[in-house]
Amino acid sequence: MLRRKNQNVYLLILIVFTRFLLADTTDVFNRVNEISETIKKQYCPDKRTSVWTVRPQLINNQYVLNGETDNKAARGELYQQIDVSFPPDIKFEKNIRLLPDDVMNGIIFAVPKNSIAILRRRPSVTAEMVSQSLQGLPLDILKHERGFYLVRTDDGYLGWVSDDRVHEGDKTFKEDWASAPQVVYIDLEGMVYSKASQKSQPVSDVVMGNRFRLIEQTRKWTKVGYPDGRDGYIPSKSLEKLDDYLNRPLDFIKVIKTAKSLNGRPYMWGAASPKQLDCSGLTQLVFRQHGYLLQRDASMQVFEGAAVDTTNFPENLKPGDLIFFSPYPDRITHVGLYMGDYEFIHSSGRVRIDSFNPQDLHYNNYRRHSIRAVRRISK
């Protein structure tokens, strides 16, 4: 009887202690999460462009911080605030991985080796496409998982690309690729040939914006090199040296001409190449072709350039202005390019030209009544 009473007392003590421990641990976790959220908002506010994951855990009576980030300053700030926010008897094992330094063993750079590289939301071929990159454009590798690299594109966007679609390397490879003489394909699309003849075997397709190493150039043909060591020939008239391409003036007559050349191309969510485009993929591709790199999404592009007064719309607009739309007052869902004379070009179902003038056959009443902002881009 006495033994049973003692057992009940011990059980009661254990229950009380466990509840106390759980309550105390919950308070610690809540405080860590508050600190983490504050730092995230300051340093890594947008998951499309930054990585921030912090998971407090209690393992064998030891508090542990697991997670990862690509922002060294944010990790340092987290560690500092954790140290000053808890009494000396509460200590943490700090295991927040810094990407890519702590995981990639120096393999930090990649270049797409096909005309188009698909970026996905997760490391899986069944995951949603969130964006695309083009052959020869730089990609910073953050980590590797299940046959995919998490990469940052040259516009700052994050996505997962299959590791067999890129050529990867270390800091030396990055420097060599960046310093090598390069040319950019400026026509909409075409072929790269194995010899200086259109009757020769194709090496691959090529689309507007693809970049290659410059090997040898003549008046008619240019020998180019791929990131993975292949080579081929492209008509010289279809290429421009990279330095000249990057320093093109932002001529809005030419910007609109490029946009119109894409008319009728099919819409695809997440696409940003001449073959298929979503709305912001169209505006980004067109501006990229004329020396200005817009951010990836419409909700990001709306913060670029200068605001244009929409009073007496479209009186204050100029050709080349970006028009932003949404059925909601607090977020942007669509973007188009103003062409002048009430017309605008955008990717909606397909790349198409619509009008804000009710008298025009291609008047778009829905877009006319969902305008939220207009921005003017300048270099």
Protein backbone atom coordinates (compact mmCIF):
# COMPACT_ATOMS: atom_id res chain seq x y z
CA MET A 1 0.00 0.00 0.00
CA LEU A 2 2.83 2.37 0.92
CA ARG A 3 4.68 1.51 -2.27
CA ARG A 4 1.59 2.35 -4.33
CA LYS A 5 1.26 5.69 -2.57
CA ASN A 6 4.92 6.46 -3.24
CA GLN A 7 4.46 5.57 -6.88
CA ASN A 8 1.50 7.91 -7.12
CA VAL A 9 3.50 10.71 -5.50
CA TYR A 10 6.39 10.18 -7.90
CA LEU A 11 3.97 10.17 -10.84
CA LEU A 12 2.36 13.38 -9.63
CA ILE A 13 5.78 15.03 -9.25
CA LEU A 14 6.74 13.88 -12.75
CA ILE A 15 3.53 15.27 -14.24
CA VAL A 16 3.97 18.61 -12.50
CA PHE A 17 7.64 18.81 -13.53
CA THR A 18 6.83 17.88 -17.12
CA ARG A 19 4.09 20.50 -17.34
CA PHE A 20 6.44 23.10 -15.87
CA LEU A 21 9.16 22.13 -18.33
CA LEU A 22 6.77 22.25 -21.27
CA ALA A 23 5.42 25.63 -20.22
CA ASP A 24 8.93 26.99 -19.81
CA THR A 25 10.02 25.53 -23.17
CA THR A 26 6.99 27.02 -24.89
CA ASP A 27 7.92 30.46 -23.54
CA VAL A 28 11.47 30.04 -24.83
CA PHE A 29 10.28 28.91 -28.26
CA ASN A 30 7.81 31.80 -28.48
CA ARG A 31 10.53 34.31 -27.66
CA VAL A 32 12.90 32.80 -30.22
CA ASN A 33 10.18 32.92 -32.87
CA GLU A 34 9.46 36.58 -32.05
CA ILE A 35 13.14 37.46 -32.46
CA SER A 36 13.33 35.43 -35.67
CA GLU A 37 10.27 37.10 -37.18
CA THR A 38 11.62 40.58 -36.43
CA ILE A 39 14.95 39.79 -38.09
CA LYS A 40 13.21 38.17 -41.04
CA LYS A 41 11.18 41.32 -41.69
CA GLN A 42 14.32 43.44 -41.57
CA TYR A 43 16.77 41.30 -43.53
CA CYS A 44 14.82 38.64 -45.46
CA PRO A 45 11.27 39.94 -45.95
CA ASP A 46 10.53 38.24 -49.29
CA LYS A 47 10.83 34.47 -49.64
CA ARG A 48 11.06 34.91 -53.42
CA THR A 49 14.49 36.51 -53.01
CA SER A 50 15.87 35.36 -49.66
CA VAL A 51 16.10 32.31 -47.39
CA TRP A 52 15.22 32.44 -43.70
CA THR A 53 14.26 29.35 -41.70
CA VAL A 54 14.73 29.15 -37.92
CA ARG A 55 13.50 26.15 -35.89
CA PRO A 56 14.05 26.16 -32.11
CA GLN A 57 14.13 22.66 -30.62
CA LEU A 58 14.77 20.95 -27.27
CA ILE A 59 17.03 17.93 -27.81
CA ASN A 60 18.29 15.96 -24.78
CA ASN A 61 17.51 18.93 -22.49
CA GLN A 62 19.58 21.20 -24.76
CA TYR A 63 18.06 24.11 -26.66
CA VAL A 64 19.06 23.98 -30.33
CA LEU A 65 18.60 26.48 -33.17
CA ASN A 66 18.31 24.70 -36.52
CA GLY A 67 17.61 26.29 -39.87
CA GLU A 68 19.28 28.13 -42.72
CA THR A 69 19.69 31.53 -44.34
CA ASP A 70 21.59 33.14 -47.17
CA ASN A 71 22.10 36.34 -45.18
CA LYS A 72 25.20 36.35 -42.97
CA ALA A 73 24.28 39.63 -41.27
CA ALA A 74 20.83 38.29 -40.38
CA ARG A 75 22.32 35.17 -38.81
CA GLY A 76 24.76 37.26 -36.80
CA GLU A 77 21.95 39.50 -35.58
CA LEU A 78 19.89 36.46 -34.56
CA TYR A 79 22.75 34.98 -32.56
CA GLN A 80 23.43 38.29 -30.84
CA GLN A 81 19.80 38.85 -29.87
CA ILE A 82 19.46 35.27 -28.60
CA ASP A 83 22.50 35.78 -26.35
CA VAL A 84 21.11 38.93 -24.74
CA SER A 85 17.46 37.86 -24.53
CA PHE A 86 17.81 34.88 -22.21
CA PRO A 87 19.34 34.36 -18.73
CA PRO A 88 22.74 32.65 -18.49
CA ASP A 89 21.23 29.28 -17.54
CA ILE A 90 19.41 29.07 -20.91
CA LYS A 91 21.97 28.35 -23.59
CA PHE A 92 21.56 27.45 -27.24
CA GLU A 93 23.45 25.26 -29.64
CA LYS A 94 23.44 27.42 -32.76
CA ASN A 95 23.20 25.45 -36.00
CA ILE A 96 21.78 27.94 -38.52
CA ARG A 97 23.46 27.04 -41.81
CA LEU A 98 24.74 29.86 -43.99
CA LEU A 99 24.03 29.23 -47.67
CA PRO A 100 26.01 28.39 -49.68
CA ASP A 101 29.14 28.56 -47.49
CA ASP A 102 28.18 25.80 -45.05
CA VAL A 103 26.78 23.31 -47.56
CA MET A 104 28.25 23.59 -51.08
CA ASN A 105 32.01 23.01 -50.63
CA GLY A 106 32.86 25.82 -53.03
CA ILE A 107 30.43 24.91 -55.82
CA ILE A 108 28.67 28.24 -55.87
CA PHE A 109 27.98 29.17 -59.49
CA ALA A 110 26.10 27.78 -62.47
CA VAL A 111 25.12 28.73 -66.00
CA PRO A 112 22.16 27.23 -67.92
CA LYS A 113 23.42 25.11 -70.80
CA ASN A 114 20.13 24.90 -72.73
CA SER A 115 18.28 27.80 -74.31
CA ILE A 116 15.81 27.89 -71.40
CA ALA A 117 16.16 26.62 -67.83
CA ILE A 118 13.04 26.04 -65.72
CA LEU A 119 13.02 27.13 -62.09
CA ARG A 120 10.59 25.35 -59.78
CA ARG A 121 9.11 26.09 -56.37
CA ARG A 122 10.47 22.86 -54.86
CA PRO A 123 13.17 20.36 -55.86
CA SER A 124 10.87 18.16 -57.94
CA VAL A 125 9.95 17.84 -61.61
CA THR A 126 6.29 17.91 -60.56
CA ALA A 127 6.62 21.21 -58.66
CA GLU A 128 5.19 24.46 -60.00
CA MET A 129 7.36 26.50 -62.36
CA VAL A 130 8.06 29.89 -60.77
CA SER A 131 10.41 31.39 -63.34
CA GLN A 132 12.91 30.72 -66.09
CA SER A 133 16.50 31.60 -66.83
CA LEU A 134 18.26 31.74 -70.18
CA GLN A 135 21.38 30.06 -71.46
CA GLY A 136 24.55 31.78 -70.32
CA LEU A 137 22.92 33.90 -67.61
CA PRO A 138 24.60 33.70 -64.19
CA LEU A 139 23.06 31.66 -61.38
CA ASP A 140 24.34 31.70 -57.80
CA ILE A 141 23.99 28.27 -56.19
CA LEU A 142 22.74 28.18 -52.59
CA LYS A 143 22.31 24.46 -51.95
CA HIS A 144 21.77 21.04 -53.56
CA GLU A 145 18.91 18.66 -52.82
CA ARG A 146 17.44 15.61 -54.58
CA GLY A 147 19.07 16.36 -57.95
CA PHE A 148 18.24 20.09 -57.92
CA TYR A 149 20.12 23.27 -57.12
CA LEU A 150 18.47 26.13 -55.27
CA VAL A 151 19.73 29.11 -57.26
CA ARG A 152 19.44 32.87 -57.34
CA THR A 153 19.01 34.34 -60.81
CA ASP A 154 20.57 37.59 -62.00
CA ASP A 155 17.33 39.40 -61.06
CA GLY A 156 17.56 38.09 -57.49
CA TYR A 157 14.78 35.50 -57.79
CA LEU A 158 15.05 32.08 -56.12
CA GLY A 159 14.09 28.75 -57.62
CA TRP A 160 15.10 25.12 -57.99
CA VAL A 161 16.76 24.04 -61.24
CA SER A 162 17.57 20.45 -62.22
CA ASP A 163 21.30 19.92 -61.84
CA ASP A 164 21.61 18.34 -65.31
CA ARG A 165 20.33 21.55 -66.95
CA VAL A 166 23.21 23.72 -65.80
CA HIS A 167 27.00 23.71 -65.82
CA GLU A 168 28.28 24.35 -62.32
CA GLY A 169 31.60 25.30 -60.82
CA ASP A 170 33.52 27.15 -58.16
CA LYS A 171 34.66 30.76 -57.78
CA THR A 172 37.25 30.31 -60.54
CA PHE A 173 34.60 29.11 -62.99
CA LYS A 174 32.43 32.09 -62.07
CA GLU A 175 35.28 34.54 -62.68
CA ASP A 176 36.28 32.84 -65.95
CA TRP A 177 32.73 32.93 -67.31
CA ALA A 178 32.22 36.57 -66.29
CA SER A 179 35.53 37.73 -67.78
CA ALA A 180 35.34 35.77 -71.05
CA PRO A 181 34.35 37.69 -74.21
CA GLN A 182 30.65 36.96 -74.74
CA VAL A 183 27.99 37.55 -77.35
CA VAL A 184 24.19 37.70 -76.99
CA TYR A 185 21.61 36.37 -79.41
CA ILE A 186 19.31 39.26 -80.38
CA ASP A 187 16.81 37.67 -82.78
CA LEU A 188 13.67 35.98 -81.44
CA GLU A 189 14.81 32.40 -82.00
CA GLY A 190 16.91 30.25 -84.28
CA MET A 191 19.45 27.44 -84.42
CA VAL A 192 23.11 26.97 -83.60
CA TYR A 193 24.89 24.95 -86.28
CA SER A 194 27.82 22.52 -86.09
CA LYS A 195 29.49 24.24 -89.05
CA ALA A 196 29.32 27.67 -90.66
CA SER A 197 26.40 26.57 -92.81
CA GLN A 198 22.67 26.33 -92.29
CA LYS A 199 22.81 22.97 -94.03
CA SER A 200 24.99 21.51 -91.27
CA GLN A 201 23.78 19.52 -88.26
CA PRO A 202 22.10 21.68 -85.58
CA VAL A 203 23.76 21.80 -82.18
CA SER A 204 20.77 23.32 -80.35
CA ASP A 205 18.05 25.90 -80.54
CA VAL A 206 18.71 29.48 -79.43
CA VAL A 207 16.41 32.25 -78.21
CA MET A 208 16.64 35.98 -77.65
CA GLY A 209 18.89 36.78 -74.70
CA ASN A 210 21.01 33.60 -74.80
CA ARG A 211 24.70 34.23 -74.11
CA PHE A 212 27.76 32.40 -75.43
CA ARG A 213 31.53 32.64 -75.28
CA LEU A 214 32.92 34.42 -78.30
CA ILE A 215 35.48 32.14 -79.97
CA GLU A 216 35.89 33.55 -83.46
CA GLN A 217 33.91 36.03 -85.54
CA THR A 218 33.75 36.73 -89.25
CA ARG A 219 31.40 38.91 -91.23
CA LYS A 220 28.90 36.11 -91.85
CA TRP A 221 29.42 33.59 -89.06
CA THR A 222 30.48 33.57 -85.42
CA LYS A 223 31.89 30.53 -83.65
CA VAL A 224 30.49 30.42 -80.11
CA GLY A 225 31.14 28.32 -77.01
CA TYR A 226 28.60 26.87 -74.60
CA PRO A 227 29.12 26.76 -70.82
CA ASP A 228 29.55 22.97 -70.97
CA GLY A 229 32.30 23.01 -73.62
CA ARG A 230 30.27 22.51 -76.81
CA ASP A 231 30.69 24.92 -79.68
CA GLY A 232 28.76 25.92 -82.76
CA TYR A 233 28.09 28.62 -85.33
CA ILE A 234 25.51 31.42 -85.40
CA PRO A 235 25.00 34.03 -88.15
CA SER A 236 26.94 37.11 -87.00
CA LYS A 237 24.03 39.45 -87.76
CA SER A 238 22.03 37.71 -85.02
CA LEU A 239 24.58 38.47 -82.30
CA GLU A 240 25.75 41.47 -80.31
CA LYS A 241 28.75 41.77 -78.02
CA LEU A 242 27.72 41.56 -74.37
CA ASP A 243 29.13 44.95 -73.35
CA ASP A 244 27.20 46.69 -76.14
CA TYR A 245 24.06 44.74 -75.26
CA LEU A 246 24.21 45.66 -71.56
CA ASN A 247 24.76 49.33 -72.39
CA ARG A 248 21.94 49.72 -74.88
CA PRO A 249 20.06 52.99 -74.36
CA LEU A 250 16.51 52.64 -73.09
CA ASP A 251 14.83 53.68 -76.34
CA PHE A 252 11.10 53.19 -75.83
CA ILE A 253 10.34 53.12 -79.54
CA LYS A 254 12.62 50.09 -79.76
CA VAL A 255 11.23 48.67 -76.50
CA ILE A 256 7.72 48.70 -77.97
CA LYS A 257 8.98 47.26 -81.26
CA THR A 258 10.50 44.32 -79.37
CA ALA A 259 7.28 43.80 -77.42
CA LYS A 260 5.22 43.81 -80.61
CA SER A 261 7.53 41.19 -82.14
CA LEU A 262 6.29 38.82 -79.42
CA ASN A 263 2.63 39.39 -80.24
CA GLY A 264 0.65 36.14 -80.28
CA ARG A 265 3.17 34.16 -78.21
CA PRO A 266 1.38 31.90 -75.70
CA TYR A 267 0.96 32.76 -72.04
CA MET A 268 2.40 30.42 -69.42
CA TRP A 269 2.57 31.03 -65.68
CA GLY A 270 6.19 31.40 -64.58
CA ALA A 271 7.57 31.68 -68.13
CA ALA A 272 10.01 34.43 -69.10
CA SER A 273 11.41 33.47 -72.49
CA PRO A 274 10.47 34.34 -76.08
CA LYS A 275 8.74 30.97 -76.47
CA GLN A 276 6.15 31.50 -73.72
CA LEU A 277 5.67 34.33 -71.24
CA ASP A 278 3.60 35.40 -68.28
CA CYS A 279 2.76 39.07 -67.87
CA SER A 280 5.86 40.15 -65.93
CA GLY A 281 8.01 37.75 -67.95
CA LEU A 282 7.06 39.77 -71.03
CA THR A 283 7.95 43.13 -69.52
CA GLN A 284 11.17 41.79 -68.00
CA LEU A 285 12.30 40.16 -71.25
CA VAL A 286 11.55 43.26 -73.31
CA PHE A 287 13.34 45.65 -70.94
CA ARG A 288 16.28 43.24 -70.56
CA GLN A 289 16.69 43.37 -74.32
CA HIS A 290 17.18 47.13 -74.03
CA GLY A 291 19.68 47.35 -71.20
CA TYR A 292 17.42 47.40 -68.13
CA LEU A 293 16.81 44.43 -65.82
CA LEU A 294 13.41 44.58 -64.16
CA GLN A 295 12.61 42.44 -61.14
CA ARG A 296 10.73 39.25 -61.83
CA ASP A 297 7.12 39.65 -60.65
CA ALA A 298 4.56 42.36 -61.33
CA SER A 299 4.21 42.93 -57.57
CA MET A 300 7.95 43.69 -57.51
CA GLN A 301 8.13 45.73 -60.70
CA VAL A 302 5.49 48.12 -59.34
CA PHE A 303 8.14 49.57 -56.99
CA GLU A 304 10.61 50.35 -59.78
CA GLY A 305 11.01 53.63 -61.59
CA ALA A 306 8.90 56.70 -60.84
CA ALA A 307 5.16 56.92 -60.24
CA VAL A 308 3.04 58.47 -62.99
CA ASP A 309 -0.07 60.48 -62.14
CA THR A 310 -3.12 58.57 -63.40
CA THR A 311 -5.45 61.54 -63.10
CA ASN A 312 -7.31 62.00 -66.40
CA PHE A 313 -5.91 58.67 -67.56
CA PRO A 314 -4.14 58.18 -69.94
CA GLU A 315 -3.28 61.85 -70.39
CA ASN A 316 -0.02 61.71 -68.42
CA LEU A 317 1.23 58.41 -69.83
CA LYS A 318 4.08 58.01 -72.30
CA PRO A 319 4.92 55.05 -74.54
CA GLY A 320 7.00 52.59 -72.53
CA ASP A 321 5.27 53.17 -69.19
CA LEU A 322 4.39 50.09 -67.16
CA ILE A 323 0.72 49.77 -66.18
CA PHE A 324 -0.20 47.64 -63.17
CA PHE A 325 -3.59 46.02 -62.64
CA SER A 326 -5.52 44.16 -59.99
CA PRO A 327 -9.12 43.50 -58.98
CA TYR A 328 -7.88 44.01 -55.41
CA PRO A 329 -6.87 47.40 -53.99
CA ASP A 330 -4.02 46.06 -51.88
CA ARG A 331 -2.00 43.88 -54.28
CA ILE A 332 -0.81 43.81 -57.89
CA THR A 333 -1.69 40.83 -60.11
CA HIS A 334 -0.87 41.94 -63.67
CA VAL A 335 1.35 44.27 -65.71
CA GLY A 336 1.33 45.60 -69.26
CA LEU A 337 3.32 48.02 -71.42
CA TYR A 338 1.71 51.23 -72.66
CA MET A 339 2.21 51.81 -76.38
CA GLY A 340 0.50 55.18 -76.81
CA ASP A 341 -2.82 56.13 -78.39
CA TYR A 342 -4.75 54.26 -75.65
CA GLU A 343 -3.13 50.92 -76.58
CA PHE A 344 -1.13 48.56 -74.37
CA ILE A 345 0.53 45.18 -74.90
CA HIS A 346 0.44 42.46 -72.27
CA SER A 347 0.50 38.69 -71.85
CA SER A 348 -2.96 37.43 -70.94
CA GLY A 349 -3.86 34.13 -72.58
CA ARG A 350 -1.33 35.18 -75.20
CA VAL A 351 0.73 38.27 -75.87
CA ARG A 352 -1.85 40.69 -77.17
CA ILE A 353 -2.54 44.35 -77.88
CA ASP A 354 -5.61 45.81 -76.19
CA SER A 355 -7.05 49.29 -75.84
CA PHE A 356 -8.41 51.54 -73.13
CA ASN A 357 -10.61 53.33 -75.69
CA PRO A 358 -14.23 52.04 -75.58
CA GLN A 359 -14.55 52.89 -79.29
CA ASP A 360 -11.84 50.41 -80.30
CA LEU A 361 -12.68 46.83 -81.28
CA HIS A 362 -9.95 45.56 -78.93
CA TYR A 363 -11.15 47.61 -75.95
CA ASN A 364 -10.52 45.78 -72.67
CA ASN A 365 -13.09 46.93 -70.15
CA TYR A 366 -11.82 44.67 -67.36
CA ARG A 367 -8.28 46.02 -67.54
CA ARG A 368 -9.47 49.61 -67.88
CA HIS A 369 -11.28 49.39 -64.56
CA SER A 370 -8.58 47.50 -62.66
CA ILE A 371 -5.64 49.92 -63.11
CA ARG A 372 -3.79 50.40 -59.81
CA ALA A 373 -0.55 52.17 -60.75
CA VAL A 374 1.68 53.38 -63.57
CA ARG A 375 5.48 53.49 -63.35
CA ARG A 376 8.03 55.11 -65.66
CA ILE A 377 11.38 53.34 -65.98
CA SER A 378 14.58 55.22 -66.69
CA LYS A 379 18.27 54.35 -66.54
